[in-house]
Amino acid sequence: MAYVDDVSPAPVPPADLLGLLGVWREGLSLSRRLVQRWPEGAPAGPYDVIALGKAAPAMVEALGEVGVGVRRQIVITTAEARRADSQDIVGDHPVPGAASEAAARALDEFLREGEAAVPTLVLLSGGASALVVDVVDPVSLSDLHELWDAALRTGVDITTLNRLRASASNLGGGMLARRVRSADSVVAVMVDNPVSGPRWVASGPFTDFAPSRAELDGLFEAVALSPRARGVFRRAAAQRAQRLRSQEPTRTRLITLAEPADVLHSVRDEAIRLGYAVHDLGAGLVENVEVFAGRVGALLASASGPTVVLGVGELAVRVSGPGQGGRCQEFALRCAAWLDEASLRSAVVGAVATDGRDHVSGVAGAWVSASIAGEAREAGLSLVDYLARSDSGTLLARLGRHFAGSLTGWNLCDLYLGLVHPRD
């Protein structure tokens, strides 16, 4: 399978698990979707192209395959995704830093050279909120870091985080739409947001957002932001709202190139083709990882024959310790404890990040069966202790349950999968 580059030699996951975790990529083509979804009546070009996010280089490469004319372009992405011998700009991710601010300055220079008569094509994918950062005074990078830490502790969904980012951004919440000088713009989005879809990818640069005081207070409460930080964000939001109201945005045509449901549908169809009964839990998963692991385990326990339980999204993980891991690894390890307790020896669970990185570089996700708990006990390791310090990645690496990962060119949330009575 192309998605999983390597698996620890022992033990080996069932072939059906591997196949289903990777099958979604076989039917997706960025270039084909650009052709299919290109908006009727859009300007002929050539375009000024702005590509932002973890999948930005792949999206730009797709342009060359379909013949969209490009006058000039700027690509801002991660260090991992940056193309060799390219002029791609690298920002900081997942926590914004000085490189993110430098990327914003480069973008500002690019925007200043725009012309009303030259249309703009914006290619958006997840990660852009951190990769390119231009904050409204008095918010600073340290305030964004505090917001990030608070979001990890509370486990809020990505839309809540992005709305707070947008409230203090000169790019998010509709502000980029006001800085583009083109009269016409096409915005093509690869969706990594299971809650609010394409309009809030990259903190909604083409989605007008001027929150009321009550709305801001609700967001502050959701992330348990400190009183000091609340005051800073509130002042920035007030200044930003005035500018939002006083400026006219570019005329925008928004298209969705790919979304989490595309992953879900392809995996579900393949599972049915293989003869499995399917419990489809949807493509909008944002619930707490522990609760979801229990729900998957209960469905596997109640199955009477070959069954697949699947869902796509971004589970909420409350980080409570200094360990390493990611949503997929946390889900897998919590399922391991559940499978062991229920003695589900015929079940296996796996999860992968569709961008090829489950927070930890080189790790796409993880898989487990009921036997892993016994292996851990024999090695003197406690699943409960590793989970308590948010260190799922370390334990899964020691027990050989990681899927090694590399960049896929996609960013469509995480795929969570459980099988009972696998054919192989």
Protein backbone atom coordinates (compact mmCIF):
# COMPACT_ATOMS: atom_id res chain seq x y z
CA MET A 1 0.00 0.00 0.00
CA ALA A 2 1.44 3.34 -1.01
CA TYR A 3 0.24 5.20 2.07
CA VAL A 4 2.01 3.12 4.69
CA ASP A 5 5.69 3.12 3.86
CA ASP A 6 6.77 0.60 6.45
CA VAL A 7 5.39 -1.48 9.28
CA SER A 8 7.38 -2.91 12.18
CA PRO A 9 8.29 -6.48 11.14
CA ALA A 10 6.53 -8.11 14.08
CA PRO A 11 3.65 -8.22 14.60
CA VAL A 12 2.03 -7.68 11.22
CA PRO A 13 -1.47 -6.12 10.92
CA PRO A 14 -4.13 -7.89 8.84
CA ALA A 15 -3.96 -7.16 5.13
CA ASP A 16 -7.56 -5.93 5.06
CA LEU A 17 -6.75 -3.30 7.69
CA LEU A 18 -3.81 -2.06 5.63
CA GLY A 19 -5.83 -2.06 2.43
CA LEU A 20 -8.77 -0.15 3.88
CA LEU A 21 -6.53 2.44 5.55
CA GLY A 22 -4.96 3.27 2.19
CA VAL A 23 -7.70 2.69 -0.40
CA TRP A 24 -9.06 6.25 -0.19
CA ARG A 25 -6.06 7.62 -2.11
CA GLU A 26 -6.64 5.48 -5.17
CA GLY A 27 -9.71 7.37 -6.34
CA LEU A 28 -8.61 10.93 -5.55
CA SER A 29 -6.93 13.19 -8.09
CA LEU A 30 -6.37 16.88 -7.49
CA SER A 31 -5.93 17.69 -11.15
CA ARG A 32 -9.14 15.86 -12.12
CA ARG A 33 -11.07 17.65 -9.40
CA LEU A 34 -9.74 21.02 -10.48
CA VAL A 35 -11.13 20.36 -13.94
CA GLN A 36 -14.45 18.97 -12.68
CA ARG A 37 -15.10 21.70 -10.13
CA TRP A 38 -13.70 24.75 -11.87
CA PRO A 39 -16.43 27.41 -11.56
CA GLU A 40 -18.40 28.31 -14.64
CA GLY A 41 -17.71 31.86 -15.77
CA ALA A 42 -14.41 32.15 -13.87
CA PRO A 43 -11.80 34.43 -15.47
CA ALA A 44 -9.61 32.81 -18.08
CA GLY A 45 -6.38 33.92 -16.44
CA PRO A 46 -3.45 33.90 -16.21
CA TYR A 47 -3.79 34.06 -12.42
CA ASP A 48 -1.78 35.34 -9.52
CA VAL A 49 -1.64 32.18 -7.38
CA ILE A 50 -1.51 32.10 -3.57
CA ALA A 51 -1.05 28.58 -2.15
CA LEU A 52 -1.15 28.19 1.63
CA GLY A 53 -1.00 25.11 3.85
CA LYS A 54 0.45 21.66 4.25
CA ALA A 55 -0.85 20.54 0.84
CA ALA A 56 0.04 23.78 -0.98
CA PRO A 57 2.89 22.33 -3.11
CA ALA A 58 0.75 19.39 -4.26
CA MET A 59 -2.09 21.75 -5.17
CA VAL A 60 0.26 23.95 -7.21
CA GLU A 61 1.63 20.90 -9.01
CA ALA A 62 -1.92 19.97 -9.99
CA LEU A 63 -2.32 23.36 -11.68
CA GLY A 64 0.43 22.47 -14.10
CA GLU A 65 -1.39 19.28 -15.06
CA VAL A 66 -4.63 21.05 -16.00
CA GLY A 67 -3.11 24.04 -17.76
CA VAL A 68 -4.35 26.88 -15.54
CA GLY A 69 -2.35 29.93 -16.55
CA VAL A 70 -0.08 31.37 -13.86
CA ARG A 71 1.38 34.88 -13.99
CA ARG A 72 3.17 34.66 -10.65
CA GLN A 73 2.81 32.60 -7.48
CA ILE A 74 3.66 32.35 -3.82
CA VAL A 75 3.66 29.03 -1.93
CA ILE A 76 3.78 28.90 1.88
CA THR A 77 4.04 25.46 3.45
CA THR A 78 5.81 23.27 6.01
CA ALA A 79 9.49 22.35 5.97
CA GLU A 80 8.53 18.74 5.22
CA ALA A 81 6.34 19.67 2.24
CA ARG A 82 8.69 22.22 0.70
CA ARG A 83 9.80 21.12 -2.77
CA ALA A 84 13.50 20.81 -3.47
CA ASP A 85 14.95 23.55 -5.66
CA SER A 86 11.77 25.60 -5.31
CA GLN A 87 10.97 29.04 -3.96
CA ASP A 88 8.39 27.64 -1.55
CA ILE A 89 8.36 29.63 1.69
CA VAL A 90 8.44 27.71 4.98
CA GLY A 91 6.45 28.82 8.02
CA ASP A 92 6.36 27.35 11.51
CA HIS A 93 3.88 24.56 12.28
CA PRO A 94 1.91 23.61 14.33
CA VAL A 95 2.90 26.48 16.64
CA PRO A 96 3.49 29.79 14.81
CA GLY A 97 6.86 31.45 15.13
CA ALA A 98 9.20 33.96 13.54
CA ALA A 99 9.14 32.08 10.23
CA SER A 100 5.34 32.41 10.19
CA GLU A 101 5.63 36.18 10.57
CA ALA A 102 8.27 36.30 7.83
CA ALA A 103 5.93 34.33 5.57
CA ALA A 104 3.21 36.92 6.23
CA ARG A 105 5.56 39.72 5.18
CA ALA A 106 6.34 37.88 1.95
CA LEU A 107 2.62 37.41 1.32
CA ASP A 108 1.99 41.11 1.98
CA GLU A 109 4.61 42.05 -0.62
CA PHE A 110 3.00 39.66 -3.10
CA LEU A 111 -0.44 41.16 -2.47
CA ARG A 112 0.80 44.73 -2.91
CA GLU A 113 1.92 43.91 -6.44
CA GLY A 114 -1.53 42.64 -7.41
CA GLU A 115 -3.73 44.35 -9.99
CA ALA A 116 -7.50 44.61 -10.22
CA ALA A 117 -7.48 43.27 -13.79
CA VAL A 118 -5.44 40.15 -12.91
CA PRO A 119 -7.55 37.44 -11.20
CA THR A 120 -6.24 35.65 -8.13
CA LEU A 121 -6.40 31.91 -7.49
CA VAL A 122 -6.07 30.95 -3.82
CA LEU A 123 -5.29 27.33 -2.94
CA LEU A 124 -6.04 26.63 0.72
CA SER A 125 -5.29 23.61 2.87
CA GLY A 126 -4.94 22.92 6.58
CA GLY A 127 -2.03 24.25 8.57
CA ALA A 128 -2.07 27.74 7.06
CA SER A 129 -3.31 29.31 10.31
CA ALA A 130 0.10 28.62 11.87
CA LEU A 131 2.29 28.79 8.78
CA VAL A 132 1.49 32.41 7.90
CA VAL A 133 0.66 34.77 10.78
CA ASP A 134 -0.14 38.49 10.75
CA VAL A 135 -1.74 39.46 14.07
CA VAL A 136 -3.62 42.59 15.05
CA ASP A 137 -2.10 44.66 17.87
CA PRO A 138 -1.85 44.15 20.78
CA VAL A 139 -1.84 40.37 20.19
CA SER A 140 1.66 38.87 19.90
CA LEU A 141 3.19 35.51 19.05
CA SER A 142 3.38 34.69 22.75
CA ASP A 143 -0.38 35.24 23.00
CA LEU A 144 -0.89 32.79 20.14
CA HIS A 145 1.32 30.31 21.96
CA GLU A 146 -0.81 30.69 25.08
CA LEU A 147 -3.92 30.11 22.97
CA TRP A 148 -2.39 26.95 21.48
CA ASP A 149 -1.46 25.57 24.89
CA ALA A 150 -4.96 26.29 26.20
CA ALA A 151 -6.51 24.54 23.20
CA LEU A 152 -4.40 21.43 23.86
CA ARG A 153 -5.38 21.33 27.52
CA THR A 154 -9.10 21.67 26.81
CA GLY A 155 -9.20 19.58 23.62
CA VAL A 156 -11.41 22.05 21.71
CA ASP A 157 -12.31 21.43 18.07
CA ILE A 158 -10.41 23.15 15.28
CA THR A 159 -13.22 25.57 14.41
CA THR A 160 -13.23 27.03 17.93
CA LEU A 161 -9.47 27.51 17.74
CA ASN A 162 -9.64 29.02 14.24
CA ARG A 163 -12.35 31.50 15.21
CA LEU A 164 -10.22 32.80 18.03
CA ARG A 165 -7.23 33.03 15.72
CA ALA A 166 -9.35 34.86 13.15
CA SER A 167 -10.59 37.38 15.72
CA ALA A 168 -7.06 38.76 15.98
CA SER A 169 -5.78 38.15 12.44
CA ASN A 170 -5.09 40.43 9.49
CA LEU A 171 -5.58 37.40 7.22
CA GLY A 172 -8.29 35.19 8.76
CA GLY A 173 -11.98 35.88 9.18
CA GLY A 174 -12.38 37.57 5.79
CA MET A 175 -9.36 39.86 5.96
CA LEU A 176 -7.38 38.24 3.14
CA ALA A 177 -10.39 38.78 0.88
CA ARG A 178 -9.94 42.52 1.51
CA ARG A 179 -6.20 42.53 0.84
CA VAL A 180 -6.40 40.79 -2.53
CA ARG A 181 -6.33 43.53 -5.18
CA SER A 182 -7.94 41.43 -7.92
CA ALA A 183 -11.54 42.21 -8.75
CA ASP A 184 -12.19 38.46 -9.16
CA SER A 185 -10.81 35.53 -7.19
CA VAL A 186 -11.22 31.77 -7.24
CA VAL A 187 -10.64 30.02 -3.90
CA ALA A 188 -10.06 26.25 -4.07
CA VAL A 189 -10.07 24.46 -0.72
CA MET A 190 -8.85 21.09 0.51
CA VAL A 191 -10.95 20.61 3.64
CA ASP A 192 -9.41 19.39 6.90
CA ASN A 193 -12.19 20.76 9.10
CA PRO A 194 -14.80 18.17 10.19
CA VAL A 195 -17.07 20.78 11.80
CA SER A 196 -17.49 23.79 9.53
CA GLY A 197 -16.22 22.74 6.11
CA PRO A 198 -14.34 24.80 3.52
CA ARG A 199 -15.16 28.27 4.84
CA TRP A 200 -13.12 27.86 8.02
CA VAL A 201 -10.03 26.14 6.61
CA ALA A 202 -7.00 28.35 7.37
CA SER A 203 -9.10 30.40 9.83
CA GLY A 204 -11.53 31.56 7.17
CA PRO A 205 -9.55 34.10 5.10
CA PHE A 206 -12.58 34.55 2.82
CA THR A 207 -15.26 34.17 5.52
CA ASP A 208 -16.33 37.41 7.20
CA PHE A 209 -16.09 37.11 10.97
CA ALA A 210 -16.66 39.94 13.42
CA PRO A 211 -17.68 38.24 16.69
CA SER A 212 -19.84 40.00 19.25
CA ARG A 213 -18.59 40.36 22.80
CA ALA A 214 -20.84 37.49 23.89
CA GLU A 215 -19.53 35.27 21.10
CA LEU A 216 -15.94 36.05 22.04
CA ASP A 217 -16.67 35.32 25.69
CA GLY A 218 -18.07 31.94 24.69
CA LEU A 219 -14.91 31.13 22.74
CA PHE A 220 -12.72 32.26 25.64
CA GLU A 221 -14.62 29.97 28.00
CA ALA A 222 -14.31 27.03 25.63
CA VAL A 223 -10.51 27.19 25.70
CA ALA A 224 -10.22 28.46 29.30
CA LEU A 225 -8.09 31.40 28.17
CA SER A 226 -6.52 33.51 30.93
CA PRO A 227 -8.08 36.87 31.85
CA ARG A 228 -5.00 38.72 30.59
CA ALA A 229 -5.12 37.01 27.20
CA ARG A 230 -8.86 37.62 26.94
CA GLY A 231 -8.33 41.33 27.27
CA VAL A 232 -5.64 41.34 24.59
CA PHE A 233 -7.74 39.38 22.12
CA ARG A 234 -10.81 41.50 22.85
CA ARG A 235 -8.97 44.75 22.00
CA ALA A 236 -7.56 43.26 18.81
CA ALA A 237 -10.98 41.97 17.75
CA ALA A 238 -12.53 45.42 18.17
CA GLN A 239 -9.90 47.08 15.97
CA ARG A 240 -10.13 44.37 13.37
CA ALA A 241 -13.93 44.53 13.17
CA GLN A 242 -13.76 48.21 12.20
CA ARG A 243 -11.43 47.46 9.30
CA LEU A 244 -13.55 44.52 8.20
CA ARG A 245 -16.63 46.73 7.93
CA SER A 246 -14.86 49.59 6.16
CA GLN A 247 -13.24 47.60 3.32
CA GLU A 248 -14.75 45.81 0.34
CA PRO A 249 -13.69 42.19 -0.37
CA THR A 250 -12.72 40.73 -3.73
CA ARG A 251 -15.47 38.90 -5.63
CA THR A 252 -14.96 35.24 -4.70
CA ARG A 253 -15.90 31.91 -6.25
CA LEU A 254 -15.35 29.14 -3.68
CA ILE A 255 -14.85 25.50 -4.72
CA THR A 256 -14.17 22.41 -2.61
CA LEU A 257 -11.50 20.18 -4.14
CA ALA A 258 -11.69 17.39 -1.57
CA GLU A 259 -13.14 16.84 1.92
CA PRO A 260 -13.21 14.22 4.69
CA ALA A 261 -16.39 12.63 3.30
CA ASP A 262 -14.42 11.61 0.19
CA VAL A 263 -12.18 9.47 2.39
CA LEU A 264 -15.13 7.97 4.25
CA HIS A 265 -17.08 7.02 1.14
CA SER A 266 -14.17 5.33 -0.62
CA VAL A 267 -13.27 3.22 2.45
CA ARG A 268 -16.91 2.31 3.12
CA ASP A 269 -17.44 1.22 -0.48
CA GLU A 270 -14.32 -0.95 -0.42
CA ALA A 271 -15.30 -2.57 2.89
CA ILE A 272 -18.70 -3.47 1.44
CA ARG A 273 -17.03 -4.85 -1.69
CA LEU A 274 -14.86 -7.08 0.52
CA GLY A 275 -17.96 -8.47 2.23
CA TYR A 276 -17.94 -6.63 5.53
CA ALA A 277 -20.97 -5.24 7.32
CA VAL A 278 -20.25 -1.55 7.89
CA HIS A 279 -21.00 0.80 10.79
CA ASP A 280 -20.49 4.25 9.26
CA LEU A 281 -19.89 6.82 12.01
CA GLY A 282 -19.62 9.77 9.64
CA ALA A 283 -17.03 12.28 8.48
CA GLY A 284 -17.52 14.91 11.17
CA LEU A 285 -15.95 13.28 14.21
CA VAL A 286 -14.82 15.73 16.90
CA GLU A 287 -15.82 13.91 20.09
CA ASN A 288 -13.51 13.06 22.97
CA VAL A 289 -11.07 10.32 21.99
CA GLU A 290 -11.77 8.19 25.08
CA VAL A 291 -15.53 8.29 24.50
CA PHE A 292 -15.11 7.46 20.82
CA ALA A 293 -12.76 4.55 21.52
CA GLY A 294 -15.41 3.07 23.82
CA ARG A 295 -18.08 3.55 21.15
CA VAL A 296 -15.97 1.75 18.53
CA GLY A 297 -15.18 -1.05 20.98
CA ALA A 298 -18.84 -1.57 21.85
CA LEU A 299 -19.78 -1.82 18.17
CA LEU A 300 -17.01 -4.35 17.54
CA ALA A 301 -18.11 -6.38 20.56
CA SER A 302 -21.69 -6.55 19.32
CA ALA A 303 -20.77 -7.69 15.80
CA SER A 304 -21.83 -11.20 14.82
CA GLY A 305 -19.68 -11.51 11.69
CA PRO A 306 -17.02 -9.68 9.66
CA THR A 307 -17.66 -6.02 10.45
CA VAL A 308 -15.96 -2.69 9.82
CA VAL A 309 -16.51 0.35 12.03
CA LEU A 310 -15.20 3.53 10.44
CA GLY A 311 -15.23 7.30 10.78
CA VAL A 312 -13.28 10.37 9.69
CA GLY A 313 -12.55 13.56 11.59
CA GLU A 314 -10.30 14.97 14.30
CA LEU A 315 -10.92 13.55 17.76
CA ALA A 316 -10.54 15.80 20.78
CA VAL A 317 -7.49 14.95 22.88
CA ARG A 318 -6.81 16.71 26.17
CA VAL A 319 -3.03 16.81 26.53
CA SER A 320 -2.14 16.27 30.17
CA GLY A 321 1.51 15.30 30.20
CA PRO A 322 4.93 15.71 28.58
CA GLY A 323 4.76 12.65 26.31
CA GLN A 324 4.56 12.40 22.54
CA GLY A 325 1.82 11.13 20.29
CA GLY A 326 -1.06 12.23 18.12
CA ARG A 327 -4.80 11.79 17.74
CA CYS A 328 -4.48 8.51 15.83
CA GLN A 329 -1.98 7.05 18.29
CA GLU A 330 -4.07 8.13 21.27
CA PHE A 331 -7.17 6.53 19.74
CA ALA A 332 -5.33 3.28 19.01
CA LEU A 333 -3.92 2.94 22.51
CA ARG A 334 -7.25 3.70 24.16
CA CYS A 335 -8.85 1.05 21.96
CA ALA A 336 -6.15 -1.41 23.03
CA ALA A 337 -7.23 -1.09 26.65
CA TRP A 338 -10.87 -1.54 25.65
CA LEU A 339 -10.19 -4.60 23.46
CA ASP A 340 -8.19 -6.23 26.23
CA GLU A 341 -10.88 -5.63 28.84
CA ALA A 342 -13.59 -7.04 26.56
CA SER A 343 -11.34 -9.94 25.38
CA LEU A 344 -12.00 -9.05 21.73
CA ARG A 345 -9.34 -11.34 20.29
CA SER A 346 -10.85 -11.24 16.81
CA ALA A 347 -10.74 -7.43 16.54
CA VAL A 348 -8.11 -5.03 15.26
CA VAL A 349 -8.13 -1.22 15.22
CA GLY A 350 -6.09 1.27 13.22
CA ALA A 351 -5.98 4.98 12.45
CA VAL A 352 -3.97 7.19 10.11
CA ALA A 353 -3.60 10.90 9.44
CA THR A 354 -4.38 11.52 5.78
CA ASP A 355 -1.51 14.00 5.46
CA GLY A 356 0.94 11.27 6.47
CA ARG A 357 1.89 12.72 9.86
CA ASP A 358 0.10 12.07 13.14
CA HIS A 359 1.73 15.03 14.91
CA VAL A 360 5.02 13.11 15.21
CA SER A 361 7.34 13.31 12.21
CA GLY A 362 7.66 9.96 10.43
CA VAL A 363 4.55 8.49 12.06
CA ALA A 364 1.31 8.25 10.06
CA GLY A 365 -0.70 6.52 12.79
CA ALA A 366 -0.94 3.23 14.65
CA TRP A 367 -2.76 -0.10 14.94
CA VAL A 368 -3.56 -2.42 17.84
CA SER A 369 -5.22 -5.69 18.69
CA ALA A 370 -6.25 -7.13 22.06
CA SER A 371 -2.87 -8.80 22.46
CA ILE A 372 -0.97 -5.53 22.86
CA ALA A 373 -2.12 -5.07 26.46
CA GLY A 374 -0.65 -8.45 27.42
CA GLU A 375 2.59 -7.64 25.59
CA ALA A 376 2.82 -4.39 27.54
CA ARG A 377 2.27 -6.16 30.86
CA GLU A 378 4.95 -8.73 30.04
CA ALA A 379 7.36 -5.86 29.35
CA GLY A 380 6.44 -4.17 32.62
CA LEU A 381 4.65 -1.30 30.86
CA SER A 382 1.30 0.19 31.83
CA LEU A 383 -1.15 1.45 29.19
CA VAL A 384 -2.85 3.56 31.84
CA ASP A 385 0.39 5.29 32.84
CA TYR A 386 1.34 6.11 29.25
CA LEU A 387 -2.12 7.47 28.52
CA ALA A 388 -2.09 9.56 31.70
CA ARG A 389 1.00 11.42 30.57
CA SER A 390 -0.14 11.73 26.92
CA ASP A 391 2.68 9.44 25.78
CA SER A 392 0.89 7.00 23.48
CA GLY A 393 3.57 7.36 20.81
CA THR A 394 6.39 6.10 23.00
CA LEU A 395 4.58 2.92 24.05
CA LEU A 396 3.32 2.14 20.54
CA ALA A 397 6.83 2.58 19.16
CA ARG A 398 8.26 0.18 21.77
CA LEU A 399 5.66 -2.44 20.86
CA GLY A 400 6.03 -2.02 17.09
CA ARG A 401 2.51 -0.75 16.35
CA HIS A 402 3.29 2.42 14.40
CA PHE A 403 2.61 3.01 10.74
CA ALA A 404 5.61 4.88 9.37
CA GLY A 405 4.49 7.85 7.33
CA SER A 406 5.61 10.35 4.75
CA LEU A 407 3.88 13.22 2.99
CA THR A 408 0.85 12.21 0.96
CA GLY A 409 -0.02 15.54 -0.66
CA TRP A 410 -3.44 15.41 1.01
CA ASN A 411 -4.84 16.83 4.24
CA LEU A 412 -8.36 15.50 4.87
CA CYS A 413 -8.48 14.77 8.64
CA ASP A 414 -7.87 11.35 10.21
CA LEU A 415 -9.30 7.94 9.30
CA TYR A 416 -10.35 5.73 12.24
CA LEU A 417 -11.06 2.07 11.54
CA GLY A 418 -12.01 -1.04 13.50
CA LEU A 419 -12.37 -4.59 12.11
CA VAL A 420 -13.79 -7.66 13.78
CA HIS A 421 -13.34 -11.16 12.31
CA PRO A 422 -11.06 -9.92 9.51
CA ARG A 423 -11.05 -12.24 6.51
CA ASP A 424 -7.29 -12.66 6.65
